[in-house]
């Protein structure tokens, strides 16, 4: 039953891709490099931590800008398969100024085997651009699969995450690998693809590099 549920859920995540508008007249793809430093500390069923991110974004047509982000995180695991989490992003763009982003999460996890895990995350994404006062809401529904290669420090993962509100906005696809250096440090390298459904918004390809530190 669980396998059937996950297959149906994966198919549902693919629906936004079918809803893609015509590509005629769409801008060329944008490219970005994100570098993250993630720190986490587990305290019983609670965890606290933070993320510092530097992003270099090439929007095409000579438009480039950089962003800095700080994200405090607090989470609680009431059950082994359930996590509740709250994050707030403080983002400064050298092009558009400050944006605050509020991200409450509910995450369901399923351990299929010792090496294969699935997680389904529902996230409310509320962005507040300070310069204009605009609020941009979205619901994000991510399905992720993690596979640890036996007898190696390497793990592989893939995910799909549509953003939607009154319509499908975009879908984020990720494929990547984790490299466990020791019990405190894991390095992650991802390729990320944002598929935008607005004809005026460029798709975005991202090289995403992360250092994960557990205290």
N, C-alpha and C. Protein backbone atom coordinates (compact mmCIF):
# COMPACT_ATOMS: atom_id res chain seq x y z
N UNK A 1 0.82 -1.20 0.00
CA UNK A 1 0.00 0.00 0.00
C UNK A 1 0.87 1.26 0.00
N UNK A 2 1.94 1.24 0.83
CA UNK A 2 2.80 2.40 0.88
C UNK A 2 3.48 2.65 -0.47
N UNK A 3 3.89 1.55 -1.14
CA UNK A 3 4.53 1.71 -2.44
C UNK A 3 3.55 2.30 -3.45
N UNK A 4 2.31 1.83 -3.43
CA UNK A 4 1.30 2.36 -4.34
C UNK A 4 1.06 3.85 -4.07
N UNK A 5 1.03 4.20 -2.78
CA UNK A 5 0.82 5.60 -2.41
C UNK A 5 1.94 6.47 -2.96
N UNK A 6 3.19 6.03 -2.81
CA UNK A 6 4.32 6.82 -3.29
C UNK A 6 4.34 6.94 -4.80
N UNK A 7 3.96 5.87 -5.51
CA UNK A 7 3.91 5.94 -6.97
C UNK A 7 2.86 6.95 -7.42
N UNK A 8 1.68 6.92 -6.79
CA UNK A 8 0.64 7.89 -7.14
C UNK A 8 1.06 9.31 -6.81
N UNK A 9 1.77 9.47 -5.69
CA UNK A 9 2.24 10.79 -5.31
C UNK A 9 3.27 11.31 -6.28
N UNK A 10 4.17 10.45 -6.73
CA UNK A 10 5.18 10.85 -7.70
C UNK A 10 4.53 11.26 -9.01
N UNK A 11 3.51 10.51 -9.45
CA UNK A 11 2.79 10.88 -10.66
C UNK A 11 2.12 12.24 -10.51
N UNK A 12 1.59 12.50 -9.33
CA UNK A 12 0.92 13.78 -9.12
C UNK A 12 1.91 14.94 -9.19
N UNK A 13 3.17 14.70 -8.78
CA UNK A 13 4.17 15.75 -8.86
C UNK A 13 4.58 16.04 -10.30
N UNK A 14 4.37 15.08 -11.19
CA UNK A 14 4.73 15.28 -12.58
C UNK A 14 3.66 16.05 -13.36
N UNK A 15 2.46 16.17 -12.80
CA UNK A 15 1.37 16.83 -13.51
C UNK A 15 1.73 18.26 -13.91
N UNK A 16 2.37 19.07 -13.00
CA UNK A 16 2.70 20.42 -13.44
C UNK A 16 3.55 20.49 -14.69
N UNK A 17 4.44 19.51 -14.89
CA UNK A 17 5.27 19.51 -16.09
C UNK A 17 4.42 19.37 -17.34
N UNK A 18 3.32 18.61 -17.24
CA UNK A 18 2.43 18.45 -18.38
C UNK A 18 1.69 19.76 -18.67
N UNK A 19 1.51 20.57 -17.59
CA UNK A 19 0.78 21.82 -17.73
C UNK A 19 1.64 22.95 -18.27
N UNK A 20 2.88 22.68 -18.64
CA UNK A 20 3.79 23.70 -19.14
C UNK A 20 3.20 24.46 -20.32
N UNK A 21 3.29 25.81 -20.25
CA UNK A 21 2.81 26.63 -21.36
C UNK A 21 3.76 26.53 -22.54
N UNK A 22 3.33 27.00 -23.69
CA UNK A 22 4.18 26.99 -24.87
C UNK A 22 5.47 27.75 -24.62
N UNK A 23 6.58 27.25 -25.15
CA UNK A 23 7.89 27.85 -24.94
C UNK A 23 8.17 28.98 -25.93
N UNK A 24 7.30 29.21 -26.89
CA UNK A 24 7.54 30.23 -27.90
C UNK A 24 7.67 31.61 -27.25
N UNK A 25 8.78 32.29 -27.52
CA UNK A 25 8.99 33.63 -26.98
C UNK A 25 9.50 33.66 -25.56
N UNK A 26 9.76 32.52 -24.95
CA UNK A 26 10.23 32.48 -23.57
C UNK A 26 11.70 32.90 -23.50
N UNK A 27 12.11 33.65 -22.45
CA UNK A 27 13.53 34.05 -22.32
C UNK A 27 14.45 32.83 -22.23
N UNK A 28 15.72 33.04 -22.57
CA UNK A 28 16.72 31.99 -22.42
C UNK A 28 16.86 31.61 -20.94
N UNK A 29 17.33 30.38 -20.71
CA UNK A 29 17.50 29.90 -19.34
C UNK A 29 18.49 30.77 -18.56
N UNK A 30 18.21 30.97 -17.28
CA UNK A 30 19.13 31.64 -16.38
C UNK A 30 20.01 30.59 -15.70
N UNK A 31 21.11 31.03 -15.10
CA UNK A 31 22.04 30.12 -14.44
C UNK A 31 22.46 30.73 -13.11
N UNK A 32 22.64 29.90 -12.10
CA UNK A 32 23.04 30.40 -10.78
C UNK A 32 23.95 29.39 -10.10
N UNK A 33 24.78 29.91 -9.20
CA UNK A 33 25.60 29.08 -8.32
C UNK A 33 25.25 29.46 -6.89
N UNK A 34 24.78 28.48 -6.11
CA UNK A 34 24.46 28.70 -4.70
C UNK A 34 25.47 27.95 -3.85
N UNK A 35 25.97 28.62 -2.82
CA UNK A 35 26.88 27.99 -1.86
C UNK A 35 26.29 28.15 -0.46
N UNK A 36 26.00 27.02 0.19
CA UNK A 36 25.36 27.03 1.50
C UNK A 36 26.26 26.44 2.57
N UNK A 37 26.14 26.99 3.79
CA UNK A 37 26.76 26.42 4.98
C UNK A 37 25.62 26.18 5.96
N UNK A 38 25.39 24.91 6.31
CA UNK A 38 24.25 24.52 7.13
C UNK A 38 24.77 23.95 8.45
N UNK A 39 24.27 24.48 9.57
CA UNK A 39 24.65 24.00 10.89
C UNK A 39 23.41 23.50 11.61
N UNK A 40 23.50 22.32 12.25
CA UNK A 40 22.36 21.74 12.95
C UNK A 40 22.82 21.09 14.25
N UNK A 41 21.97 21.26 15.28
CA UNK A 41 22.22 20.64 16.58
C UNK A 41 20.94 19.95 17.03
N UNK A 42 21.01 18.64 17.31
CA UNK A 42 19.87 17.89 17.83
C UNK A 42 19.87 17.94 19.35
N UNK A 43 18.68 18.25 19.91
CA UNK A 43 18.51 18.31 21.36
C UNK A 43 17.26 17.50 21.70
N UNK A 44 17.42 16.20 21.95
CA UNK A 44 16.26 15.34 22.15
C UNK A 44 15.43 15.30 20.87
N UNK A 45 14.13 15.59 21.00
CA UNK A 45 13.24 15.60 19.84
C UNK A 45 13.28 16.93 19.09
N UNK A 46 14.02 17.88 19.61
CA UNK A 46 14.13 19.19 18.98
C UNK A 46 15.42 19.28 18.16
N UNK A 47 15.43 20.17 17.20
CA UNK A 47 16.68 20.52 16.54
C UNK A 47 16.67 22.02 16.23
N UNK A 48 17.84 22.61 16.31
CA UNK A 48 18.01 24.03 16.00
C UNK A 48 19.20 24.16 15.07
N UNK A 49 19.25 25.25 14.35
CA UNK A 49 20.36 25.44 13.44
C UNK A 49 20.17 26.67 12.59
N UNK A 50 20.92 26.71 11.51
CA UNK A 50 20.85 27.86 10.62
C UNK A 50 21.54 27.58 9.31
N UNK A 51 21.26 28.44 8.35
CA UNK A 51 21.85 28.35 7.01
C UNK A 51 22.38 29.72 6.62
N UNK A 52 23.60 29.75 6.10
CA UNK A 52 24.13 30.95 5.45
C UNK A 52 24.36 30.62 3.99
N UNK A 53 23.84 31.48 3.11
CA UNK A 53 23.92 31.19 1.68
C UNK A 53 24.43 32.40 0.91
N UNK A 54 25.28 32.12 -0.08
CA UNK A 54 25.71 33.13 -1.05
C UNK A 54 25.30 32.63 -2.43
N UNK A 55 24.58 33.46 -3.17
CA UNK A 55 24.11 33.07 -4.50
C UNK A 55 24.59 34.07 -5.53
N UNK A 56 25.15 33.55 -6.61
CA UNK A 56 25.52 34.35 -7.77
C UNK A 56 24.59 33.96 -8.91
N UNK A 57 23.80 34.92 -9.40
CA UNK A 57 22.70 34.63 -10.32
C UNK A 57 22.91 35.37 -11.63
N UNK A 58 22.95 34.62 -12.74
CA UNK A 58 23.02 35.19 -14.09
C UNK A 58 21.65 35.02 -14.72
N UNK A 59 20.92 36.12 -14.90
CA UNK A 59 19.57 36.06 -15.44
C UNK A 59 19.54 36.16 -16.97
N UNK A 60 20.70 36.16 -17.59
CA UNK A 60 20.76 36.29 -19.04
C UNK A 60 20.66 37.74 -19.48
N UNK A 61 20.99 37.98 -20.74
CA UNK A 61 20.93 39.31 -21.32
C UNK A 61 21.74 40.32 -20.52
N UNK A 62 22.87 39.85 -19.96
CA UNK A 62 23.77 40.73 -19.22
C UNK A 62 23.32 41.09 -17.83
N UNK A 63 22.23 40.50 -17.33
CA UNK A 63 21.72 40.83 -15.99
C UNK A 63 22.27 39.84 -14.97
N UNK A 64 23.09 40.34 -14.08
CA UNK A 64 23.67 39.50 -13.03
C UNK A 64 23.50 40.20 -11.68
N UNK A 65 23.26 39.40 -10.63
CA UNK A 65 23.25 39.97 -9.30
C UNK A 65 23.57 38.89 -8.28
N UNK A 66 23.93 39.33 -7.09
CA UNK A 66 24.32 38.43 -6.02
C UNK A 66 23.35 38.57 -4.85
N UNK A 67 23.20 37.48 -4.09
CA UNK A 67 22.32 37.48 -2.93
C UNK A 67 23.03 36.86 -1.73
N UNK A 68 22.72 37.36 -0.55
CA UNK A 68 23.14 36.76 0.71
C UNK A 68 21.89 36.38 1.49
N UNK A 69 21.92 35.23 2.17
CA UNK A 69 20.76 34.79 2.93
C UNK A 69 21.20 34.21 4.27
N UNK A 70 20.45 34.55 5.32
CA UNK A 70 20.61 33.95 6.64
C UNK A 70 19.28 33.33 7.03
N UNK A 71 19.28 32.06 7.47
CA UNK A 71 18.05 31.33 7.77
C UNK A 71 18.18 30.62 9.13
N UNK A 72 17.59 31.16 10.20
CA UNK A 72 17.48 30.39 11.45
C UNK A 72 16.40 29.32 11.32
N UNK A 73 16.63 28.17 11.95
CA UNK A 73 15.74 27.01 11.83
C UNK A 73 15.48 26.42 13.21
N UNK A 74 14.22 26.06 13.48
CA UNK A 74 13.89 25.30 14.68
C UNK A 74 12.88 24.23 14.28
N UNK A 75 13.06 23.01 14.80
CA UNK A 75 12.17 21.92 14.43
C UNK A 75 11.91 20.98 15.59
N UNK A 76 10.83 20.20 15.44
CA UNK A 76 10.43 19.27 16.49
C UNK A 76 9.93 17.98 15.83
N UNK A 77 10.37 16.83 16.37
CA UNK A 77 9.95 15.53 15.87
C UNK A 77 9.05 14.85 16.91
N UNK A 78 7.72 15.04 16.81
CA UNK A 78 6.83 14.38 17.78
C UNK A 78 6.78 12.87 17.60
N UNK A 79 7.03 12.41 16.35
CA UNK A 79 7.05 10.99 16.03
C UNK A 79 8.24 10.70 15.13
N UNK A 80 8.63 9.44 15.04
CA UNK A 80 9.80 9.09 14.23
C UNK A 80 9.60 9.42 12.76
N UNK A 81 8.33 9.44 12.30
CA UNK A 81 8.04 9.67 10.89
C UNK A 81 7.47 11.06 10.61
N UNK A 82 7.47 11.94 11.62
CA UNK A 82 6.85 13.26 11.47
C UNK A 82 7.77 14.34 12.02
N UNK A 83 7.99 15.40 11.22
CA UNK A 83 8.78 16.53 11.68
C UNK A 83 8.00 17.82 11.41
N UNK A 84 7.99 18.71 12.41
CA UNK A 84 7.43 20.04 12.27
C UNK A 84 8.59 21.03 12.35
N UNK A 85 8.60 22.02 11.44
CA UNK A 85 9.78 22.88 11.35
C UNK A 85 9.37 24.29 10.96
N UNK A 86 10.09 25.28 11.47
CA UNK A 86 9.86 26.67 11.12
C UNK A 86 11.18 27.33 10.76
N UNK A 87 11.17 28.06 9.64
CA UNK A 87 12.36 28.76 9.17
C UNK A 87 11.96 30.16 8.73
N UNK A 88 12.88 31.10 8.88
CA UNK A 88 12.69 32.45 8.37
C UNK A 88 13.94 32.85 7.60
N UNK A 89 13.77 33.25 6.34
CA UNK A 89 14.90 33.67 5.51
C UNK A 89 15.01 35.19 5.51
N UNK A 90 16.21 35.68 5.78
CA UNK A 90 16.52 37.10 5.64
C UNK A 90 17.44 37.21 4.43
N UNK A 91 16.91 37.69 3.33
CA UNK A 91 17.62 37.68 2.05
C UNK A 91 17.95 39.12 1.64
N UNK A 92 19.21 39.36 1.31
CA UNK A 92 19.58 40.66 0.78
C UNK A 92 20.12 40.48 -0.64
N UNK A 93 19.43 41.10 -1.59
CA UNK A 93 19.86 41.09 -2.98
C UNK A 93 20.49 42.43 -3.30
N UNK A 94 21.66 42.40 -3.95
CA UNK A 94 22.31 43.64 -4.35
C UNK A 94 21.57 44.32 -5.51
N UNK A 95 20.52 43.64 -6.01
CA UNK A 95 19.73 44.17 -7.13
C UNK A 95 18.37 44.68 -6.67
N UNK A 96 17.70 43.93 -5.77
CA UNK A 96 16.33 44.28 -5.38
C UNK A 96 16.18 44.63 -3.90
N UNK A 97 17.24 44.53 -3.09
CA UNK A 97 17.14 44.87 -1.69
C UNK A 97 16.69 43.69 -0.83
N UNK A 98 16.01 43.98 0.28
CA UNK A 98 15.66 42.98 1.28
C UNK A 98 14.37 42.25 0.94
N UNK A 99 14.38 40.92 1.21
CA UNK A 99 13.18 40.09 1.17
C UNK A 99 13.19 39.20 2.40
N UNK A 100 12.03 39.13 3.09
CA UNK A 100 11.86 38.17 4.19
C UNK A 100 10.97 37.05 3.70
N UNK A 101 11.32 35.82 4.06
CA UNK A 101 10.57 34.65 3.60
C UNK A 101 10.28 33.75 4.80
N UNK A 102 8.99 33.44 5.00
CA UNK A 102 8.55 32.63 6.14
C UNK A 102 8.18 31.24 5.63
N UNK A 103 8.74 30.20 6.28
CA UNK A 103 8.66 28.84 5.74
C UNK A 103 8.29 27.82 6.82
N UNK A 104 7.03 27.68 7.18
CA UNK A 104 6.63 26.56 8.05
C UNK A 104 6.54 25.26 7.25
N UNK A 105 7.03 24.16 7.84
CA UNK A 105 7.09 22.86 7.16
C UNK A 105 6.37 21.78 7.97
N UNK A 106 5.79 20.83 7.24
CA UNK A 106 5.36 19.55 7.81
C UNK A 106 5.98 18.47 6.94
N UNK A 107 6.74 17.55 7.54
CA UNK A 107 7.50 16.56 6.78
C UNK A 107 7.14 15.16 7.27
N UNK A 108 6.76 14.30 6.31
CA UNK A 108 6.47 12.90 6.60
C UNK A 108 7.59 12.05 6.01
N UNK A 109 8.13 11.12 6.80
CA UNK A 109 9.25 10.30 6.36
C UNK A 109 8.88 8.82 6.39
N UNK A 110 9.43 8.08 5.45
CA UNK A 110 9.23 6.63 5.40
C UNK A 110 10.55 5.96 5.05
N UNK A 111 11.01 5.05 5.91
CA UNK A 111 12.24 4.30 5.69
C UNK A 111 11.87 2.97 5.06
N UNK A 112 12.05 2.86 3.74
CA UNK A 112 11.69 1.63 3.02
C UNK A 112 12.64 0.50 3.37
N UNK A 113 13.95 0.79 3.36
CA UNK A 113 14.99 -0.16 3.77
C UNK A 113 16.05 0.62 4.53
N UNK A 114 17.10 -0.05 4.97
CA UNK A 114 18.18 0.65 5.66
C UNK A 114 18.85 1.68 4.75
N UNK A 115 18.80 1.45 3.43
CA UNK A 115 19.50 2.32 2.49
C UNK A 115 18.57 3.24 1.69
N UNK A 116 17.28 2.96 1.70
CA UNK A 116 16.34 3.71 0.85
C UNK A 116 15.29 4.41 1.71
N UNK A 117 15.19 5.74 1.56
CA UNK A 117 14.26 6.52 2.35
C UNK A 117 13.48 7.48 1.46
N UNK A 118 12.24 7.75 1.87
CA UNK A 118 11.39 8.71 1.17
C UNK A 118 10.92 9.76 2.18
N UNK A 119 10.71 10.98 1.69
CA UNK A 119 10.16 12.04 2.53
C UNK A 119 9.23 12.91 1.69
N UNK A 120 8.09 13.26 2.28
CA UNK A 120 7.15 14.17 1.62
C UNK A 120 7.00 15.40 2.50
N UNK A 121 7.32 16.56 1.92
CA UNK A 121 7.28 17.82 2.68
C UNK A 121 6.25 18.77 2.08
N UNK A 122 5.40 19.31 2.94
CA UNK A 122 4.50 20.39 2.55
C UNK A 122 4.98 21.67 3.23
N UNK A 123 5.19 22.71 2.43
CA UNK A 123 5.75 23.96 2.95
C UNK A 123 4.91 25.14 2.47
N UNK A 124 4.56 26.04 3.39
CA UNK A 124 3.99 27.32 3.02
C UNK A 124 5.12 28.31 2.82
N UNK A 125 5.18 28.92 1.64
CA UNK A 125 6.24 29.84 1.27
C UNK A 125 5.63 31.24 1.16
N UNK A 126 5.91 32.10 2.14
CA UNK A 126 5.36 33.45 2.13
C UNK A 126 6.52 34.43 2.04
N UNK A 127 6.66 35.09 0.88
CA UNK A 127 7.75 36.03 0.65
C UNK A 127 7.25 37.47 0.78
N UNK A 128 8.03 38.29 1.47
CA UNK A 128 7.69 39.70 1.67
C UNK A 128 8.84 40.56 1.17
N UNK A 129 8.64 41.22 0.03
CA UNK A 129 9.68 42.11 -0.52
C UNK A 129 9.52 43.48 0.13
N UNK A 130 10.54 43.89 0.87
CA UNK A 130 10.44 45.09 1.70
C UNK A 130 10.28 46.35 0.85
N UNK A 131 11.01 46.48 -0.25
CA UNK A 131 10.99 47.71 -1.05
C UNK A 131 9.61 48.03 -1.60
N UNK A 132 8.86 47.00 -1.98
CA UNK A 132 7.54 47.21 -2.58
C UNK A 132 6.39 46.90 -1.63
N UNK A 133 6.68 46.17 -0.54
CA UNK A 133 5.62 45.76 0.37
C UNK A 133 4.81 44.57 -0.12
N UNK A 134 5.19 43.98 -1.25
CA UNK A 134 4.42 42.88 -1.83
C UNK A 134 4.63 41.58 -1.06
N UNK A 135 3.52 40.84 -0.87
CA UNK A 135 3.56 39.49 -0.31
C UNK A 135 3.26 38.50 -1.44
N UNK A 136 4.08 37.42 -1.54
CA UNK A 136 3.88 36.41 -2.57
C UNK A 136 3.74 35.05 -1.90
N UNK A 137 2.52 34.49 -1.83
CA UNK A 137 2.33 33.19 -1.20
C UNK A 137 2.46 32.05 -2.20
N UNK A 138 2.88 30.90 -1.69
CA UNK A 138 2.91 29.68 -2.50
C UNK A 138 2.90 28.48 -1.56
N UNK A 139 2.34 27.39 -2.02
CA UNK A 139 2.44 26.10 -1.33
C UNK A 139 3.41 25.24 -2.11
N UNK A 140 4.33 24.60 -1.40
CA UNK A 140 5.33 23.75 -2.04
C UNK A 140 5.17 22.33 -1.52
N UNK A 141 5.11 21.37 -2.44
CA UNK A 141 4.90 19.96 -2.07
C UNK A 141 6.04 19.14 -2.66
N UNK A 142 6.97 18.73 -1.81
CA UNK A 142 8.19 18.05 -2.30
C UNK A 142 8.18 16.58 -1.94
N UNK A 143 8.46 15.74 -2.93
CA UNK A 143 8.72 14.33 -2.71
C UNK A 143 10.20 14.07 -2.97
N UNK A 144 10.88 13.47 -2.00
CA UNK A 144 12.33 13.24 -2.09
C UNK A 144 12.66 11.79 -1.82
N UNK A 145 13.59 11.26 -2.58
CA UNK A 145 14.10 9.90 -2.37
C UNK A 145 15.59 9.98 -2.09
N UNK A 146 16.04 9.30 -1.02
CA UNK A 146 17.45 9.22 -0.65
C UNK A 146 17.89 7.77 -0.70
N UNK A 147 19.06 7.54 -1.32
CA UNK A 147 19.62 6.19 -1.37
C UNK A 147 21.07 6.23 -0.93
N UNK A 148 21.40 5.48 0.11
CA UNK A 148 22.78 5.37 0.59
C UNK A 148 23.44 4.17 -0.06
N UNK A 149 24.53 4.40 -0.78
CA UNK A 149 25.23 3.31 -1.44
C UNK A 149 25.93 2.46 -0.38
N UNK A 150 25.59 1.17 -0.29
CA UNK A 150 26.15 0.32 0.79
C UNK A 150 27.68 0.31 0.80
N UNK A 151 28.23 0.34 2.00
CA UNK A 151 29.67 0.23 2.25
C UNK A 151 30.46 1.38 1.64
N UNK A 152 29.79 2.53 1.43
CA UNK A 152 30.48 3.73 0.95
C UNK A 152 29.96 4.92 1.75
N UNK A 153 30.69 6.05 1.73
CA UNK A 153 30.20 7.26 2.40
C UNK A 153 29.36 8.14 1.48
N UNK A 154 28.84 7.55 0.41
CA UNK A 154 28.14 8.33 -0.63
C UNK A 154 26.65 8.02 -0.62
N UNK A 155 25.85 9.05 -0.72
CA UNK A 155 24.41 8.92 -0.85
C UNK A 155 23.92 9.69 -2.06
N UNK A 156 22.86 9.19 -2.68
CA UNK A 156 22.26 9.85 -3.84
C UNK A 156 20.85 10.29 -3.49
N UNK A 157 20.39 11.37 -4.10
CA UNK A 157 19.03 11.82 -3.84
C UNK A 157 18.44 12.48 -5.08
N UNK A 158 17.11 12.43 -5.16
CA UNK A 158 16.38 13.07 -6.26
C UNK A 158 15.06 13.57 -5.68
N UNK A 159 14.57 14.71 -6.18
CA UNK A 159 13.32 15.24 -5.66
C UNK A 159 12.61 16.06 -6.73
N UNK A 160 11.30 16.21 -6.53
CA UNK A 160 10.48 17.09 -7.37
C UNK A 160 9.58 17.89 -6.44
N UNK A 161 9.43 19.19 -6.73
CA UNK A 161 8.70 20.07 -5.82
C UNK A 161 7.94 21.15 -6.59
N UNK A 162 6.65 20.94 -6.85
CA UNK A 162 5.86 21.99 -7.49
C UNK A 162 5.51 23.11 -6.50
N UNK A 163 5.50 24.35 -7.02
CA UNK A 163 5.04 25.53 -6.29
C UNK A 163 3.68 25.90 -6.88
N UNK A 164 2.68 26.12 -6.04
CA UNK A 164 1.37 26.46 -6.56
C UNK A 164 0.62 27.33 -5.56
N UNK A 165 -0.34 28.08 -6.08
CA UNK A 165 -1.25 28.84 -5.24
C UNK A 165 -2.60 28.84 -5.93
N UNK A 166 -2.90 29.88 -6.71
CA UNK A 166 -4.12 29.85 -7.51
C UNK A 166 -3.86 29.22 -8.88
N UNK A 167 -2.60 28.85 -9.13
CA UNK A 167 -2.17 28.22 -10.37
C UNK A 167 -0.83 27.56 -10.10
N UNK A 168 -0.35 26.72 -11.02
CA UNK A 168 1.01 26.19 -10.91
C UNK A 168 1.98 27.31 -11.27
N UNK A 169 2.96 27.55 -10.41
CA UNK A 169 3.93 28.64 -10.60
C UNK A 169 5.21 28.11 -11.24
N UNK A 170 5.77 27.07 -10.64
CA UNK A 170 7.00 26.46 -11.14
C UNK A 170 7.18 25.12 -10.45
N UNK A 171 8.11 24.32 -10.95
CA UNK A 171 8.49 23.07 -10.29
C UNK A 171 10.01 23.03 -10.17
N UNK A 172 10.48 22.64 -9.00
CA UNK A 172 11.93 22.52 -8.77
C UNK A 172 12.32 21.04 -8.75
N UNK A 173 13.24 20.68 -9.63
CA UNK A 173 13.76 19.32 -9.69
C UNK A 173 15.21 19.33 -9.20
N UNK A 174 15.58 18.33 -8.41
CA UNK A 174 16.94 18.24 -7.88
C UNK A 174 17.46 16.82 -8.04
N UNK A 175 18.70 16.71 -8.47
CA UNK A 175 19.42 15.44 -8.45
C UNK A 175 20.81 15.74 -7.91
N UNK A 176 21.28 14.90 -6.97
CA UNK A 176 22.56 15.21 -6.37
C UNK A 176 23.13 14.06 -5.56
N UNK A 177 24.25 14.36 -4.90
CA UNK A 177 24.97 13.35 -4.13
C UNK A 177 25.50 13.96 -2.84
N UNK A 178 25.53 13.13 -1.80
CA UNK A 178 26.09 13.51 -0.51
C UNK A 178 27.38 12.72 -0.27
N UNK A 179 28.38 13.38 0.29
CA UNK A 179 29.65 12.74 0.58
C UNK A 179 29.96 12.96 2.07
N UNK A 180 29.84 11.89 2.87
CA UNK A 180 30.05 11.99 4.31
C UNK A 180 31.54 11.96 4.60
N UNK A 181 32.07 13.07 5.11
CA UNK A 181 33.49 13.17 5.41
C UNK A 181 33.79 12.56 6.78
N UNK A 182 32.96 12.91 7.77
CA UNK A 182 33.03 12.31 9.10
C UNK A 182 31.67 12.50 9.76
N UNK A 183 31.54 12.18 11.04
CA UNK A 183 30.22 12.21 11.67
C UNK A 183 29.69 13.64 11.84
N UNK A 184 30.57 14.62 11.66
CA UNK A 184 30.14 16.01 11.82
C UNK A 184 29.99 16.76 10.49
N UNK A 185 30.58 16.26 9.42
CA UNK A 185 30.62 17.02 8.16
C UNK A 185 30.20 16.16 6.98
N UNK A 186 29.23 16.66 6.22
CA UNK A 186 28.80 16.05 4.95
C UNK A 186 28.77 17.13 3.88
N UNK A 187 29.36 16.84 2.73
CA UNK A 187 29.35 17.76 1.60
C UNK A 187 28.33 17.29 0.57
N UNK A 188 27.59 18.22 -0.01
CA UNK A 188 26.54 17.90 -0.97
C UNK A 188 26.74 18.70 -2.25
N UNK A 189 26.56 18.03 -3.38
CA UNK A 189 26.61 18.69 -4.70
C UNK A 189 25.33 18.33 -5.44
N UNK A 190 24.58 19.36 -5.85
CA UNK A 190 23.30 19.16 -6.52
C UNK A 190 23.25 19.92 -7.84
N UNK A 191 22.48 19.36 -8.77
CA UNK A 191 22.02 20.13 -9.93
C UNK A 191 20.53 20.37 -9.72
N UNK A 192 20.13 21.64 -9.83
CA UNK A 192 18.75 22.03 -9.58
C UNK A 192 18.18 22.70 -10.83
N UNK A 193 16.94 22.36 -11.15
CA UNK A 193 16.27 22.93 -12.32
C UNK A 193 14.93 23.51 -11.89
N UNK A 194 14.74 24.81 -12.10
CA UNK A 194 13.45 25.45 -11.88
C UNK A 194 12.73 25.56 -13.22
N UNK A 195 11.60 24.89 -13.33
CA UNK A 195 10.80 24.92 -14.55
C UNK A 195 9.64 25.89 -14.30
N UNK A 196 9.71 27.08 -14.93
CA UNK A 196 8.71 28.12 -14.72
C UNK A 196 7.58 27.98 -15.73
N UNK A 197 6.33 28.22 -15.26
CA UNK A 197 5.17 28.09 -16.13
C UNK A 197 4.64 29.43 -16.64
N UNK A 198 5.22 30.53 -16.16
CA UNK A 198 4.91 31.85 -16.69
C UNK A 198 5.74 32.05 -17.96
N UNK A 199 5.09 32.39 -19.06
CA UNK A 199 5.79 32.52 -20.35
C UNK A 199 6.87 33.58 -20.31
N UNK A 200 6.75 34.56 -19.38
CA UNK A 200 7.73 35.64 -19.29
C UNK A 200 8.86 35.35 -18.31
N UNK A 201 8.80 34.22 -17.63
CA UNK A 201 9.83 33.87 -16.64
C UNK A 201 10.76 32.81 -17.22
N UNK A 202 12.07 33.08 -17.13
CA UNK A 202 13.06 32.13 -17.64
C UNK A 202 13.18 30.92 -16.72
N UNK A 203 13.39 29.75 -17.30
CA UNK A 203 13.78 28.59 -16.50
C UNK A 203 15.14 28.88 -15.86
N UNK A 204 15.45 28.19 -14.78
CA UNK A 204 16.72 28.45 -14.10
C UNK A 204 17.43 27.15 -13.79
N UNK A 205 18.72 27.09 -14.11
CA UNK A 205 19.59 25.97 -13.79
C UNK A 205 20.55 26.41 -12.69
N UNK A 206 20.69 25.57 -11.66
CA UNK A 206 21.47 25.96 -10.49
C UNK A 206 22.47 24.87 -10.13
N UNK A 207 23.71 25.26 -9.92
CA UNK A 207 24.70 24.40 -9.28
C UNK A 207 24.68 24.74 -7.80
N UNK A 208 24.36 23.75 -6.97
CA UNK A 208 24.06 23.98 -5.55
C UNK A 208 25.04 23.18 -4.71
N UNK A 209 25.93 23.87 -3.99
CA UNK A 209 26.98 23.24 -3.19
C UNK A 209 26.76 23.55 -1.72
N UNK A 210 26.80 22.51 -0.88
CA UNK A 210 26.45 22.67 0.53
C UNK A 210 27.45 21.95 1.43
N UNK A 211 27.83 22.62 2.51
CA UNK A 211 28.58 21.99 3.61
C UNK A 211 27.62 21.87 4.78
N UNK A 212 27.31 20.62 5.18
CA UNK A 212 26.39 20.34 6.28
C UNK A 212 27.20 19.97 7.53
N UNK A 213 27.01 20.76 8.60
CA UNK A 213 27.77 20.56 9.82
C UNK A 213 26.80 20.19 10.94
N UNK A 214 27.01 19.04 11.59
CA UNK A 214 26.19 18.61 12.72
C UNK A 214 27.02 18.71 13.99
N UNK A 215 26.51 19.43 14.96
CA UNK A 215 27.22 19.66 16.22
C UNK A 215 26.89 18.60 17.25
